[in-house]
PDB file of N, CA and C in Angstrom:
ATOM      1  N   MET A   1     104.601 210.641 139.337  1.00  0.00           N
ATOM      2  CA  MET A   1     104.773 209.220 139.325  1.00  0.00           C
ATOM      3  C   MET A   1     103.532 208.534 139.891  1.00  0.00           C
ATOM      4  N   ASN A   2     103.047 207.540 139.187  1.00  0.00           N
ATOM      5  CA  ASN A   2     101.850 206.808 139.600  1.00  0.00           C
ATOM      6  C   ASN A   2     102.273 205.603 140.432  1.00  0.00           C
ATOM      7  N   MET A   3     101.851 205.531 141.692  1.00  0.00           N
ATOM      8  CA  MET A   3     102.254 204.455 142.594  1.00  0.00           C
ATOM      9  C   MET A   3     101.310 203.253 142.538  1.00  0.00           C
ATOM     10  N   LYS A   4     100.112 203.436 142.025  1.00  0.00           N
ATOM     11  CA  LYS A   4      99.157 202.333 141.959  1.00  0.00           C
ATOM     12  C   LYS A   4      99.415 201.513 140.692  1.00  0.00           C
ATOM     13  N   PRO A   5      99.603 200.193 140.850  1.00  0.00           N
ATOM     14  CA  PRO A   5      99.766 199.373 139.642  1.00  0.00           C
ATOM     15  C   PRO A   5      98.401 199.187 138.956  1.00  0.00           C
ATOM     16  N   PRO A   6      98.389 199.189 137.655  1.00  0.00           N
ATOM     17  CA  PRO A   6      97.103 199.012 136.967  1.00  0.00           C
ATOM     18  C   PRO A   6      96.583 197.578 137.153  1.00  0.00           C
ATOM     19  N   LEU A   7      95.267 197.467 137.326  1.00  0.00           N
ATOM     20  CA  LEU A   7      94.642 196.158 137.458  1.00  0.00           C
ATOM     21  C   LEU A   7      94.495 195.523 136.080  1.00  0.00           C
ATOM     22  N   VAL A   8      94.848 194.263 136.011  1.00  0.00           N
ATOM     23  CA  VAL A   8      94.760 193.557 134.740  1.00  0.00           C
ATOM     24  C   VAL A   8      93.363 192.927 134.658  1.00  0.00           C
ATOM     25  N   ARG A   9      92.633 193.302 133.632  1.00  0.00           N
ATOM     26  CA  ARG A   9      91.293 192.739 133.443  1.00  0.00           C
ATOM     27  C   ARG A   9      91.390 191.557 132.489  1.00  0.00           C
ATOM     28  N   PRO A  10      90.705 190.456 132.831  1.00  0.00           N
ATOM     29  CA  PRO A  10      90.744 189.319 131.902  1.00  0.00           C
ATOM     30  C   PRO A  10      90.029 189.675 130.602  1.00  0.00           C
ATOM     31  N   ARG A  11      90.490 189.078 129.555  1.00  0.00           N
ATOM     32  CA  ARG A  11      89.886 189.345 128.259  1.00  0.00           C
ATOM     33  C   ARG A  11      88.493 188.727 128.213  1.00  0.00           C
ATOM     34  N   LEU A  12      87.636 189.301 127.422  1.00  0.00           N
ATOM     35  CA  LEU A  12      86.250 188.856 127.317  1.00  0.00           C
ATOM     36  C   LEU A  12      86.186 187.418 126.799  1.00  0.00           C
ATOM     37  N   ILE A  13      86.985 187.068 125.851  1.00  0.00           N
ATOM     38  CA  ILE A  13      86.956 185.723 125.274  1.00  0.00           C
ATOM     39  C   ILE A  13      87.366 184.678 126.311  1.00  0.00           C
ATOM     40  N   THR A  14      88.292 185.016 127.186  1.00  0.00           N
ATOM     41  CA  THR A  14      88.714 184.092 128.238  1.00  0.00           C
ATOM     42  C   THR A  14      87.563 183.816 129.204  1.00  0.00           C
ATOM     43  N   SER A  15      86.844 184.857 129.592  1.00  0.00           N
ATOM     44  CA  SER A  15      85.686 184.696 130.479  1.00  0.00           C
ATOM     45  C   SER A  15      84.590 183.860 129.806  1.00  0.00           C
ATOM     46  N   PHE A  16      84.375 184.123 128.508  1.00  0.00           N
ATOM     47  CA  PHE A  16      83.353 183.379 127.778  1.00  0.00           C
ATOM     48  C   PHE A  16      83.716 181.896 127.683  1.00  0.00           C
ATOM     49  N   ILE A  17      84.955 181.595 127.396  1.00  0.00           N
ATOM     50  CA  ILE A  17      85.404 180.197 127.303  1.00  0.00           C
ATOM     51  C   ILE A  17      85.288 179.513 128.659  1.00  0.00           C
ATOM     52  N   ALA A  18      85.650 180.198 129.732  1.00  0.00           N
ATOM     53  CA  ALA A  18      85.547 179.611 131.075  1.00  0.00           C
ATOM     54  C   ALA A  18      84.087 179.338 131.440  1.00  0.00           C
ATOM     55  N   ALA A  19      83.189 180.265 131.132  1.00  0.00           N
ATOM     56  CA  ALA A  19      81.767 180.073 131.427  1.00  0.00           C
ATOM     57  C   ALA A  19      81.185 178.929 130.606  1.00  0.00           C
ATOM     58  N   THR A  20      81.576 178.846 129.347  1.00  0.00           N
ATOM     59  CA  THR A  20      81.098 177.757 128.487  1.00  0.00           C
ATOM     60  C   THR A  20      81.585 176.402 128.991  1.00  0.00           C
ATOM     61  N   LEU A  21      82.845 176.324 129.356  1.00  0.00           N
ATOM     62  CA  LEU A  21      83.404 175.081 129.874  1.00  0.00           C
ATOM     63  C   LEU A  21      82.730 174.677 131.187  1.00  0.00           C
ATOM     64  N   ALA A  22      82.488 175.634 132.073  1.00  0.00           N
ATOM     65  CA  ALA A  22      81.806 175.349 133.337  1.00  0.00           C
ATOM     66  C   ALA A  22      80.380 174.847 133.085  1.00  0.00           C
ATOM     67  N   SER A  23      79.704 175.432 132.108  1.00  0.00           N
ATOM     68  CA  SER A  23      78.345 174.991 131.772  1.00  0.00           C
ATOM     69  C   SER A  23      78.343 173.569 131.224  1.00  0.00           C
ATOM     70  N   ILE A  24      79.293 173.258 130.357  1.00  0.00           N
ATOM     71  CA  ILE A  24      79.377 171.911 129.792  1.00  0.00           C
ATOM     72  C   ILE A  24      79.650 170.882 130.889  1.00  0.00           C
ATOM     73  N   ILE A  25      80.539 171.206 131.802  1.00  0.00           N
ATOM     74  CA  ILE A  25      80.847 170.280 132.906  1.00  0.00           C
ATOM     75  C   ILE A  25      79.622 170.096 133.800  1.00  0.00           C
ATOM     76  N   ALA A  26      78.909 171.191 134.110  1.00  0.00           N
ATOM     77  CA  ALA A  26      77.721 171.100 134.959  1.00  0.00           C
ATOM     78  C   ALA A  26      76.624 170.264 134.296  1.00  0.00           C
ATOM     79  N   ILE A  27      76.411 170.458 133.012  1.00  0.00           N
ATOM     80  CA  ILE A  27      75.397 169.677 132.290  1.00  0.00           C
ATOM     81  C   ILE A  27      75.801 168.206 132.237  1.00  0.00           C
ATOM     82  N   GLY A  28      77.084 167.931 132.057  1.00  0.00           N
ATOM     83  CA  GLY A  28      77.559 166.547 132.047  1.00  0.00           C
ATOM     84  C   GLY A  28      77.351 165.857 133.381  1.00  0.00           C
ATOM     85  N   ILE A  29      77.648 166.546 134.462  1.00  0.00           N
ATOM     86  CA  ILE A  29      77.442 165.961 135.794  1.00  0.00           C
ATOM     87  C   ILE A  29      75.959 165.725 136.045  1.00  0.00           C
ATOM     88  N   LEU A  30      75.122 166.691 135.695  1.00  0.00           N
ATOM     89  CA  LEU A  30      73.677 166.544 135.871  1.00  0.00           C
ATOM     90  C   LEU A  30      73.131 165.377 135.051  1.00  0.00           C
ATOM     91  N   ALA A  31      73.584 165.241 133.822  1.00  0.00           N
ATOM     92  CA  ALA A  31      73.134 164.136 132.972  1.00  0.00           C
ATOM     93  C   ALA A  31      73.580 162.793 133.540  1.00  0.00           C
ATOM     94  N   ALA A  32      74.802 162.722 134.051  1.00  0.00           N
ATOM     95  CA  ALA A  32      75.296 161.464 134.624  1.00  0.00           C
ATOM     96  C   ALA A  32      74.507 161.071 135.865  1.00  0.00           C
ATOM     97  N   VAL A  33      74.228 162.016 136.726  1.00  0.00           N
ATOM     98  CA  VAL A  33      73.464 161.715 137.945  1.00  0.00           C
ATOM     99  C   VAL A  33      72.035 161.304 137.587  1.00  0.00           C
ATOM    100  N   THR A  34      71.435 161.996 136.643  1.00  0.00           N
ATOM    101  CA  THR A  34      70.076 161.648 136.207  1.00  0.00           C
ATOM    102  C   THR A  34      70.033 160.246 135.619  1.00  0.00           C
ATOM    103  N   GLU A  35      71.019 159.906 134.812  1.00  0.00           N
ATOM    104  CA  GLU A  35      71.071 158.569 134.215  1.00  0.00           C
ATOM    105  C   GLU A  35      71.237 157.499 135.285  1.00  0.00           C
ATOM    106  N   LEU A  36      72.043 157.763 136.294  1.00  0.00           N
ATOM    107  CA  LEU A  36      72.223 156.789 137.376  1.00  0.00           C
ATOM    108  C   LEU A  36      70.929 156.569 138.136  1.00  0.00           C
ATOM    109  N   PHE A  37      70.195 157.649 138.427  1.00  0.00           N
ATOM    110  CA  PHE A  37      68.930 157.492 139.136  1.00  0.00           C
ATOM    111  C   PHE A  37      67.911 156.745 138.284  1.00  0.00           C
ATOM    112  N   GLN A  38      67.860 157.027 137.002  1.00  0.00           N
ATOM    113  CA  GLN A  38      66.898 156.341 136.142  1.00  0.00           C
ATOM    114  C   GLN A  38      67.248 154.868 135.989  1.00  0.00           C
ATOM    115  N   ARG A  39      68.534 154.564 135.883  1.00  0.00           N
ATOM    116  CA  ARG A  39      68.940 153.172 135.724  1.00  0.00           C
ATOM    117  C   ARG A  39      68.684 152.382 137.002  1.00  0.00           C
ATOM    118  N   SER A  40      68.862 152.990 138.154  1.00  0.00           N
ATOM    119  CA  SER A  40      68.664 152.299 139.426  1.00  0.00           C
ATOM    120  C   SER A  40      67.212 152.311 139.865  1.00  0.00           C
ATOM    121  N   GLY A  41      66.360 153.007 139.176  1.00  0.00           N
ATOM    122  CA  GLY A  41      64.965 153.117 139.583  1.00  0.00           C
ATOM    123  C   GLY A  41      64.171 151.849 139.393  1.00  0.00           C
ATOM    124  N   ALA A  42      64.440 151.090 138.347  1.00  0.00           N
ATOM    125  CA  ALA A  42      63.664 149.884 138.067  1.00  0.00           C
ATOM    126  C   ALA A  42      63.831 148.821 139.152  1.00  0.00           C
ATOM    127  N   PRO A  43      65.037 148.497 139.612  1.00  0.00           N
ATOM    128  CA  PRO A  43      65.148 147.511 140.694  1.00  0.00           C
ATOM    129  C   PRO A  43      64.490 147.984 141.983  1.00  0.00           C
ATOM    130  N   MET A  44      64.586 149.273 142.279  1.00  0.00           N
ATOM    131  CA  MET A  44      63.951 149.785 143.488  1.00  0.00           C
ATOM    132  C   MET A  44      62.435 149.696 143.384  1.00  0.00           C
ATOM    133  N   GLU A  45      61.909 149.879 142.189  1.00  0.00           N
ATOM    134  CA  GLU A  45      60.470 149.772 141.984  1.00  0.00           C
ATOM    135  C   GLU A  45      60.000 148.347 142.277  1.00  0.00           C
ATOM    136  N   ARG A  46      60.763 147.362 141.802  1.00  0.00           N
ATOM    137  CA  ARG A  46      60.418 145.966 142.086  1.00  0.00           C
ATOM    138  C   ARG A  46      60.530 145.650 143.569  1.00  0.00           C
ATOM    139  N   LEU A  47      61.533 146.200 144.223  1.00  0.00           N
ATOM    140  CA  LEU A  47      61.717 145.964 145.653  1.00  0.00           C
ATOM    141  C   LEU A  47      60.563 146.543 146.454  1.00  0.00           C
ATOM    142  N   VAL A  48      60.113 147.725 146.107  1.00  0.00           N
ATOM    143  CA  VAL A  48      58.980 148.341 146.805  1.00  0.00           C
ATOM    144  C   VAL A  48      57.717 147.524 146.574  1.00  0.00           C
ATOM    145  N   ALA A  49      57.518 147.050 145.361  1.00  0.00           N
ATOM    146  CA  ALA A  49      56.347 146.214 145.080  1.00  0.00           C
ATOM    147  C   ALA A  49      56.403 144.914 145.880  1.00  0.00           C
ATOM    148  N   ALA A  50      57.592 144.335 146.015  1.00  0.00           N
ATOM    149  CA  ALA A  50      57.732 143.114 146.815  1.00  0.00           C
ATOM    150  C   ALA A  50      57.465 143.397 148.286  1.00  0.00           C
ATOM    151  N   GLU A  51      57.911 144.530 148.785  1.00  0.00           N
ATOM    152  CA  GLU A  51      57.639 144.882 150.180  1.00  0.00           C
ATOM    153  C   GLU A  51      56.148 145.029 150.412  1.00  0.00           C
ATOM    154  N   ARG A  52      55.454 145.646 149.483  1.00  0.00           N
ATOM    155  CA  ARG A  52      54.002 145.822 149.630  1.00  0.00           C
ATOM    156  C   ARG A  52      53.273 144.492 149.533  1.00  0.00           C
ATOM    157  N   ALA A  53      53.764 143.587 148.702  1.00  0.00           N
ATOM    158  CA  ALA A  53      53.103 142.289 148.546  1.00  0.00           C
ATOM    159  C   ALA A  53      53.299 141.412 149.777  1.00  0.00           C
ATOM    160  N   CYS A  54      54.385 141.617 150.520  1.00  0.00           N
ATOM    161  CA  CYS A  54      54.708 140.751 151.654  1.00  0.00           C
ATOM    162  C   CYS A  54      54.506 141.437 152.997  1.00  0.00           C
ATOM    163  N   VAL A  55      53.742 142.490 153.025  1.00  0.00           N
ATOM    164  CA  VAL A  55      53.585 143.267 154.252  1.00  0.00           C
ATOM    165  C   VAL A  55      52.816 142.501 155.334  1.00  0.00           C
ATOM    166  N   TYR A  56      52.021 141.508 154.971  1.00  0.00           N
ATOM    167  CA  TYR A  56      51.186 140.795 155.941  1.00  0.00           C
ATOM    168  C   TYR A  56      51.982 139.809 156.792  1.00  0.00           C
ATOM    169  N   HIS A  57      53.241 139.542 156.475  1.00  0.00           N
ATOM    170  CA  HIS A  57      54.053 138.622 157.281  1.00  0.00           C
ATOM    171  C   HIS A  57      54.497 139.325 158.566  1.00  0.00           C
ATOM    172  N   ALA A  58      54.324 138.636 159.697  1.00  0.00           N
ATOM    173  CA  ALA A  58      54.623 139.243 160.994  1.00  0.00           C
ATOM    174  C   ALA A  58      56.121 139.258 161.290  1.00  0.00           C
ATOM    175  N   TYR A  59      56.812 138.192 160.939  1.00  0.00           N
ATOM    176  CA  TYR A  59      58.232 138.082 161.276  1.00  0.00           C
ATOM    177  C   TYR A  59      59.098 138.570 160.114  1.00  0.00           C
ATOM    178  N   VAL A  60      60.204 139.181 160.464  1.00  0.00           N
ATOM    179  CA  VAL A  60      61.111 139.741 159.453  1.00  0.00           C
ATOM    180  C   VAL A  60      61.655 138.638 158.543  1.00  0.00           C
ATOM    181  N   SER A  61      61.987 137.490 159.125  1.00  0.00           N
ATOM    182  CA  SER A  61      62.535 136.398 158.316  1.00  0.00           C
ATOM    183  C   SER A  61      61.511 135.900 157.292  1.00  0.00           C
ATOM    184  N   GLU A  62      60.238 135.807 157.704  1.00  0.00           N
ATOM    185  CA  GLU A  62      59.195 135.401 156.759  1.00  0.00           C
ATOM    186  C   GLU A  62      59.006 136.456 155.669  1.00  0.00           C
ATOM    187  N   ARG A  63      59.055 137.723 156.069  1.00  0.00           N
ATOM    188  CA  ARG A  63      58.882 138.807 155.108  1.00  0.00           C
ATOM    189  C   ARG A  63      60.016 138.822 154.095  1.00  0.00           C
ATOM    190  N   GLU A  64      61.256 138.613 154.567  1.00  0.00           N
ATOM    191  CA  GLU A  64      62.397 138.587 153.650  1.00  0.00           C
ATOM    192  C   GLU A  64      62.326 137.400 152.700  1.00  0.00           C
ATOM    193  N   ALA A  65      61.896 136.237 153.215  1.00  0.00           N
ATOM    194  CA  ALA A  65      61.752 135.058 152.353  1.00  0.00           C
ATOM    195  C   ALA A  65      60.673 135.299 151.302  1.00  0.00           C
ATOM    196  N   CYS A  66      59.583 135.911 151.714  1.00  0.00           N
ATOM    197  CA  CYS A  66      58.508 136.228 150.779  1.00  0.00           C
ATOM    198  C   CYS A  66      58.994 137.204 149.708  1.00  0.00           C
ATOM    199  N   MET A  67      59.762 138.198 150.129  1.00  0.00           N
ATOM    200  CA  MET A  67      60.273 139.172 149.160  1.00  0.00           C
ATOM    201  C   MET A  67      61.235 138.523 148.173  1.00  0.00           C
ATOM    202  N   ARG A  68      62.087 137.608 148.667  1.00  0.00           N
ATOM    203  CA  ARG A  68      63.001 136.907 147.757  1.00  0.00           C
ATOM    204  C   ARG A  68      62.219 136.070 146.747  1.00  0.00           C
ATOM    205  N   GLN A  69      61.183 135.380 147.204  1.00  0.00           N
ATOM    206  CA  GLN A  69      60.360 134.586 146.294  1.00  0.00           C
ATOM    207  C   GLN A  69      59.657 135.489 145.281  1.00  0.00           C
ATOM    208  N   TRP A  70      59.135 136.598 145.766  1.00  0.00           N
ATOM    209  CA  TRP A  70      58.405 137.508 144.896  1.00  0.00           C
ATOM    210  C   TRP A  70      59.327 138.088 143.838  1.00  0.00           C
ATOM    211  N   LEU A  71      60.538 138.498 144.240  1.00  0.00           N
ATOM    212  CA  LEU A  71      61.486 139.062 143.281  1.00  0.00           C
ATOM    213  C   LEU A  71      61.959 138.015 142.274  1.00  0.00           C
ATOM    214  N   ALA A  72      62.158 136.779 142.742  1.00  0.00           N
ATOM    215  CA  ALA A  72      62.558 135.711 141.827  1.00  0.00           C
ATOM    216  C   ALA A  72      61.452 135.433 140.822  1.00  0.00           C
ATOM    217  N   ALA A  73      60.212 135.443 141.285  1.00  0.00           N
ATOM    218  CA  ALA A  73      59.089 135.204 140.383  1.00  0.00           C
ATOM    219  C   ALA A  73      58.902 136.375 139.414  1.00  0.00           C
ATOM    220  N   ALA A  74      59.215 137.576 139.854  1.00  0.00           N
ATOM    221  CA  ALA A  74      59.043 138.749 138.987  1.00  0.00           C
ATOM    222  C   ALA A  74      60.086 138.781 137.864  1.00  0.00           C
ATOM    223  N   ARG A  75      61.227 138.138 138.061  1.00  0.00           N
ATOM    224  CA  ARG A  75      62.265 138.122 137.018  1.00  0.00           C
ATOM    225  C   ARG A  75      61.886 137.240 135.842  1.00  0.00           C
ATOM    226  N   SER A  76      61.136 136.174 136.104  1.00  0.00           N
ATOM    227  CA  SER A  76      60.790 135.222 135.062  1.00  0.00           C
ATOM    228  C   SER A  76      59.401 135.539 134.513  1.00  0.00           C
ATOM    229  N   PRO A  77      59.274 135.823 133.218  1.00  0.00           N
ATOM    230  CA  PRO A  77      57.975 136.197 132.658  1.00  0.00           C
ATOM    231  C   PRO A  77      57.124 135.011 132.190  1.00  0.00           C
ATOM    232  N   SER A  78      57.336 133.830 132.718  1.00  0.00           N
ATOM    233  CA  SER A  78      56.568 132.671 132.265  1.00  0.00           C
ATOM    234  C   SER A  78      55.176 132.661 132.903  1.00  0.00           C
ATOM    235  N   ILE A  79      54.311 131.801 132.379  1.00  0.00           N
ATOM    236  CA  ILE A  79      52.945 131.694 132.890  1.00  0.00           C
ATOM    237  C   ILE A  79      52.949 131.150 134.315  1.00  0.00           C
ATOM    238  N   ALA A  80      53.815 130.197 134.608  1.00  0.00           N
ATOM    239  CA  ALA A  80      53.877 129.627 135.950  1.00  0.00           C
ATOM    240  C   ALA A  80      54.263 130.689 136.971  1.00  0.00           C
ATOM    241  N   SER A  81      55.202 131.545 136.625  1.00  0.00           N
ATOM    242  CA  SER A  81      55.596 132.576 137.580  1.00  0.00           C
ATOM    243  C   SER A  81      54.500 133.624 137.732  1.00  0.00           C
ATOM    244  N   THR A  82      53.704 133.844 136.678  1.00  0.00           N
ATOM    245  CA  THR A  82      52.594 134.777 136.785  1.00  0.00           C
ATOM    246  C   THR A  82      51.577 134.258 137.788  1.00  0.00           C
ATOM    247  N   GLU A  83      51.341 132.956 137.757  1.00  0.00           N
ATOM    248  CA  GLU A  83      50.434 132.355 138.736  1.00  0.00           C
ATOM    249  C   GLU A  83      51.003 132.476 140.139  1.00  0.00           C
ATOM    250  N   ARG A  84      52.320 132.321 140.289  1.00  0.00           N
ATOM    251  CA  ARG A  84      52.953 132.453 141.602  1.00  0.00           C
ATOM    252  C   ARG A  84      52.819 133.878 142.115  1.00  0.00           C
ATOM    253  N   LEU A  85      52.972 134.861 141.231  1.00  0.00           N
ATOM    254  CA  LEU A  85      52.803 136.258 141.643  1.00  0.00           C
ATOM    255  C   LEU A  85      51.384 136.523 142.102  1.00  0.00           C
ATOM    256  N   THR A  86      50.414 135.891 141.440  1.00  0.00           N
ATOM    257  CA  THR A  86      49.030 136.067 141.844  1.00  0.00           C
ATOM    258  C   THR A  86      48.812 135.492 143.248  1.00  0.00           C
ATOM    259  N   ARG A  87      49.431 134.327 143.509  1.00  0.00           N
ATOM    260  CA  ARG A  87      49.311 133.724 144.844  1.00  0.00           C
ATOM    261  C   ARG A  87      49.999 134.584 145.902  1.00  0.00           C
ATOM    262  N   LEU A  88      51.062 135.283 145.547  1.00  0.00           N
ATOM    263  CA  LEU A  88      51.780 136.113 146.507  1.00  0.00           C
ATOM    264  C   LEU A  88      51.116 137.458 146.741  1.00  0.00           C
ATOM    265  N   GLY A  89      50.056 137.742 146.019  1.00  0.00           N
ATOM    266  CA  GLY A  89      49.320 138.966 146.263  1.00  0.00           C
ATOM    267  C   GLY A  89      49.532 140.043 145.233  1.00  0.00           C
ATOM    268  N   TYR A  90      50.230 139.749 144.143  1.00  0.00           N
ATOM    269  CA  TYR A  90      50.443 140.748 143.102  1.00  0.00           C
ATOM    270  C   TYR A  90      49.248 140.725 142.164  1.00  0.00           C
ATOM    271  N   PRO A  91      48.587 141.860 141.968  1.00  0.00           N
ATOM    272  CA  PRO A  91      47.437 141.870 141.064  1.00  0.00           C
ATOM    273  C   PRO A  91      47.858 141.763 139.605  1.00  0.00           C
ATOM    274  N   ARG A  92      47.001 141.197 138.804  1.00  0.00           N
ATOM    275  CA  ARG A  92      47.292 141.069 137.369  1.00  0.00           C
ATOM    276  C   ARG A  92      47.052 142.346 136.654  1.00  0.00           C
TER     277      ARG A  92
END
């Protein structure tokens, strides 16, 4: 009499389907995170440029006001706003 129960091995197709599904989920998560970083990158780029343009202000309140003006001017692509960006220290 055999006292050891036989071990049940999963079928090969079941393992393959599980690995494929795990890969699809991992690629989907990676693609979603990458898309979020790329979509959020443009506003951060403008914010960093505004910080660099307003670095000469000594007080935080002046620096924040300068950054708000710079960001507002950067949103509008008109000639007048281009002149304002030049005055704020943004190179052409």
